[in-house]
Amino acid sequence: MTISIELKLFATLQEFAPHAASTQLIEAGTDVRTLVQQLGIPEKKAKLIFINSRKVTLDSVLKDGDRLGIFPPVGGG
């Protein structure tokens, strides 16, 4: 069974976005780590992860209708 999520990749991670549409169909039970791997994003580059505006880990399982945001490491001074 597939579910639909909204995916938003920020900053340097945008190059890994599969296409212009933000809606992604994924298999039910998929966790963030699996999706990151499927997109070809190195795990160390997926630093800040949010589902529905709440900070989560790579082990979090995605549910139908979730909004997933992934940010790379942020530097600055």
N, C-alpha and C. Protein backbone atom coordinates (compact mmCIF):
# COMPACT_ATOMS: atom_id res chain seq x y z
N MET A 1 0.84 -1.18 0.00
CA MET A 1 0.00 0.00 0.00
C MET A 1 0.89 1.25 0.00
N THR A 2 0.52 2.24 -0.77
CA THR A 2 1.29 3.48 -0.80
C THR A 2 0.56 4.57 -0.03
N ILE A 3 1.35 5.49 0.48
CA ILE A 3 0.81 6.66 1.17
C ILE A 3 1.41 7.90 0.52
N SER A 4 0.82 9.04 0.79
CA SER A 4 1.27 10.30 0.21
C SER A 4 1.81 11.19 1.32
N ILE A 5 3.01 11.75 1.10
CA ILE A 5 3.58 12.71 2.03
C ILE A 5 3.99 13.96 1.25
N GLU A 6 4.16 15.04 1.98
CA GLU A 6 4.70 16.26 1.39
C GLU A 6 6.16 16.36 1.79
N LEU A 7 7.05 16.42 0.80
CA LEU A 7 8.49 16.44 1.04
C LEU A 7 9.06 17.80 0.69
N LYS A 8 9.83 18.36 1.60
CA LYS A 8 10.50 19.63 1.35
C LYS A 8 11.96 19.47 1.76
N LEU A 9 12.86 19.63 0.79
CA LEU A 9 14.29 19.58 1.04
C LEU A 9 14.84 21.00 0.98
N PHE A 10 15.66 21.37 1.94
CA PHE A 10 16.12 22.75 2.05
C PHE A 10 17.59 22.89 1.69
N ALA A 11 17.93 24.10 1.25
CA ALA A 11 19.31 24.51 0.94
C ALA A 11 19.98 23.53 -0.02
N THR A 12 21.14 23.02 0.35
CA THR A 12 21.91 22.17 -0.56
C THR A 12 21.25 20.81 -0.82
N LEU A 13 20.25 20.45 -0.03
CA LEU A 13 19.57 19.16 -0.24
C LEU A 13 18.57 19.21 -1.40
N GLN A 14 18.25 20.40 -1.88
CA GLN A 14 17.28 20.52 -2.97
C GLN A 14 17.71 19.77 -4.22
N GLU A 15 19.01 19.59 -4.40
CA GLU A 15 19.51 18.87 -5.58
C GLU A 15 19.08 17.41 -5.57
N PHE A 16 18.67 16.88 -4.42
CA PHE A 16 18.24 15.48 -4.31
C PHE A 16 16.73 15.31 -4.53
N ALA A 17 16.02 16.41 -4.71
CA ALA A 17 14.57 16.33 -4.91
C ALA A 17 14.27 15.60 -6.21
N PRO A 18 13.37 14.61 -6.18
CA PRO A 18 13.10 13.80 -7.37
C PRO A 18 12.49 14.59 -8.53
N HIS A 19 11.68 15.59 -8.24
CA HIS A 19 11.07 16.43 -9.28
C HIS A 19 10.46 17.65 -8.62
N ALA A 20 9.86 18.49 -9.39
CA ALA A 20 9.34 19.77 -8.88
C ALA A 20 8.21 19.60 -7.88
N ALA A 21 7.38 18.58 -8.03
CA ALA A 21 6.24 18.39 -7.13
C ALA A 21 6.72 18.03 -5.73
N SER A 22 6.05 18.54 -4.73
CA SER A 22 6.46 18.26 -3.36
C SER A 22 5.79 17.01 -2.80
N THR A 23 4.75 16.51 -3.46
CA THR A 23 4.06 15.32 -2.98
C THR A 23 4.78 14.06 -3.45
N GLN A 24 5.02 13.15 -2.52
CA GLN A 24 5.72 11.90 -2.82
C GLN A 24 4.85 10.72 -2.42
N LEU A 25 4.82 9.70 -3.26
CA LEU A 25 4.17 8.45 -2.92
C LEU A 25 5.23 7.49 -2.43
N ILE A 26 5.02 6.94 -1.23
CA ILE A 26 5.97 6.00 -0.65
C ILE A 26 5.21 4.81 -0.09
N GLU A 27 5.93 3.74 0.20
CA GLU A 27 5.32 2.56 0.79
C GLU A 27 4.94 2.84 2.25
N ALA A 28 3.78 2.36 2.66
CA ALA A 28 3.37 2.48 4.06
C ALA A 28 4.43 1.81 4.94
N GLY A 29 4.73 2.41 6.08
CA GLY A 29 5.72 1.86 6.99
C GLY A 29 7.13 2.33 6.74
N THR A 30 7.33 3.18 5.73
CA THR A 30 8.66 3.70 5.42
C THR A 30 9.12 4.66 6.52
N ASP A 31 10.36 4.50 6.95
CA ASP A 31 10.91 5.46 7.91
C ASP A 31 11.74 6.51 7.16
N VAL A 32 12.09 7.57 7.86
CA VAL A 32 12.82 8.67 7.24
C VAL A 32 14.15 8.19 6.68
N ARG A 33 14.86 7.34 7.41
CA ARG A 33 16.17 6.84 6.96
C ARG A 33 16.05 6.15 5.60
N THR A 34 15.04 5.31 5.44
CA THR A 34 14.84 4.60 4.17
C THR A 34 14.58 5.58 3.04
N LEU A 35 13.75 6.59 3.28
CA LEU A 35 13.46 7.58 2.25
C LEU A 35 14.71 8.38 1.90
N VAL A 36 15.49 8.76 2.89
CA VAL A 36 16.74 9.49 2.67
C VAL A 36 17.66 8.65 1.77
N GLN A 37 17.77 7.36 2.06
CA GLN A 37 18.60 6.47 1.25
C GLN A 37 18.06 6.37 -0.17
N GLN A 38 16.75 6.25 -0.33
CA GLN A 38 16.15 6.14 -1.66
C GLN A 38 16.40 7.40 -2.49
N LEU A 39 16.45 8.55 -1.83
CA LEU A 39 16.69 9.81 -2.53
C LEU A 39 18.17 10.03 -2.84
N GLY A 40 19.04 9.20 -2.25
CA GLY A 40 20.48 9.33 -2.48
C GLY A 40 21.14 10.39 -1.62
N ILE A 41 20.49 10.78 -0.54
CA ILE A 41 21.04 11.79 0.36
C ILE A 41 21.95 11.08 1.37
N PRO A 42 23.21 11.49 1.47
CA PRO A 42 24.07 10.91 2.51
C PRO A 42 23.48 11.22 3.89
N GLU A 43 23.39 10.21 4.76
CA GLU A 43 22.77 10.40 6.08
C GLU A 43 23.36 11.56 6.86
N LYS A 44 24.68 11.77 6.75
CA LYS A 44 25.30 12.85 7.51
C LYS A 44 24.84 14.23 7.03
N LYS A 45 24.27 14.30 5.83
CA LYS A 45 23.76 15.58 5.31
C LYS A 45 22.32 15.84 5.72
N ALA A 46 21.62 14.84 6.24
CA ALA A 46 20.24 15.01 6.72
C ALA A 46 20.31 15.29 8.22
N LYS A 47 20.61 16.53 8.56
CA LYS A 47 20.92 16.88 9.94
C LYS A 47 19.68 17.20 10.77
N LEU A 48 18.82 18.06 10.26
CA LEU A 48 17.60 18.44 10.98
C LEU A 48 16.41 17.90 10.21
N ILE A 49 15.58 17.13 10.91
CA ILE A 49 14.44 16.48 10.28
C ILE A 49 13.18 16.83 11.06
N PHE A 50 12.17 17.27 10.33
CA PHE A 50 10.90 17.64 10.95
C PHE A 50 9.75 16.93 10.26
N ILE A 51 8.85 16.37 11.04
CA ILE A 51 7.59 15.84 10.52
C ILE A 51 6.49 16.66 11.16
N ASN A 52 5.68 17.29 10.33
CA ASN A 52 4.59 18.13 10.81
C ASN A 52 5.08 19.16 11.84
N SER A 53 6.21 19.78 11.53
CA SER A 53 6.83 20.84 12.33
C SER A 53 7.39 20.38 13.67
N ARG A 54 7.54 19.07 13.87
CA ARG A 54 8.14 18.54 15.10
C ARG A 54 9.44 17.84 14.76
N LYS A 55 10.50 18.14 15.53
CA LYS A 55 11.81 17.54 15.27
C LYS A 55 11.73 16.04 15.56
N VAL A 56 12.27 15.25 14.62
CA VAL A 56 12.25 13.80 14.74
C VAL A 56 13.62 13.23 14.36
N THR A 57 13.74 11.91 14.42
CA THR A 57 14.98 11.23 14.06
C THR A 57 14.80 10.48 12.75
N LEU A 58 15.90 9.93 12.25
CA LEU A 58 15.86 9.14 11.01
C LEU A 58 15.01 7.88 11.16
N ASP A 59 14.79 7.43 12.39
CA ASP A 59 14.02 6.21 12.62
C ASP A 59 12.52 6.44 12.65
N SER A 60 12.08 7.67 12.55
CA SER A 60 10.65 7.98 12.61
C SER A 60 9.93 7.44 11.37
N VAL A 61 8.78 6.80 11.60
CA VAL A 61 7.99 6.22 10.53
C VAL A 61 7.02 7.27 10.00
N LEU A 62 6.96 7.37 8.68
CA LEU A 62 6.08 8.35 8.03
C LEU A 62 4.66 7.80 7.90
N LYS A 63 3.69 8.71 8.03
CA LYS A 63 2.28 8.34 7.92
C LYS A 63 1.64 9.15 6.80
N ASP A 64 0.54 8.65 6.29
CA ASP A 64 -0.16 9.33 5.21
C ASP A 64 -0.48 10.77 5.58
N GLY A 65 -0.15 11.69 4.69
CA GLY A 65 -0.43 13.10 4.91
C GLY A 65 0.64 13.86 5.66
N ASP A 66 1.71 13.18 6.11
CA ASP A 66 2.77 13.87 6.85
C ASP A 66 3.47 14.90 5.96
N ARG A 67 3.96 15.96 6.62
CA ARG A 67 4.80 16.96 5.97
C ARG A 67 6.21 16.77 6.50
N LEU A 68 7.13 16.35 5.63
CA LEU A 68 8.51 16.06 6.01
C LEU A 68 9.43 17.15 5.48
N GLY A 69 10.21 17.73 6.37
CA GLY A 69 11.22 18.72 6.00
C GLY A 69 12.59 18.25 6.45
N ILE A 70 13.57 18.33 5.55
CA ILE A 70 14.92 17.90 5.88
C ILE A 70 15.89 19.04 5.57
N PHE A 71 16.71 19.38 6.56
CA PHE A 71 17.71 20.44 6.44
C PHE A 71 19.11 19.86 6.54
N PRO A 72 20.07 20.44 5.80
CA PRO A 72 21.46 20.02 5.93
C PRO A 72 22.06 20.66 7.19
N PRO A 73 23.30 20.27 7.55
CA PRO A 73 23.96 20.94 8.67
C PRO A 73 24.08 22.44 8.35
N VAL A 74 23.89 23.25 9.38
CA VAL A 74 23.93 24.70 9.19
C VAL A 74 25.15 25.23 9.91
N GLY A 75 25.89 26.07 9.21
CA GLY A 75 27.06 26.70 9.81
C GLY A 75 26.88 28.20 9.79
N GLY A 76 27.67 28.87 10.52
CA GLY A 76 27.57 30.31 10.52
C GLY A 76 28.30 30.89 11.71
N GLY A 77 28.27 32.18 11.78
CA GLY A 77 29.01 32.80 12.86
C GLY A 77 28.33 33.93 13.40
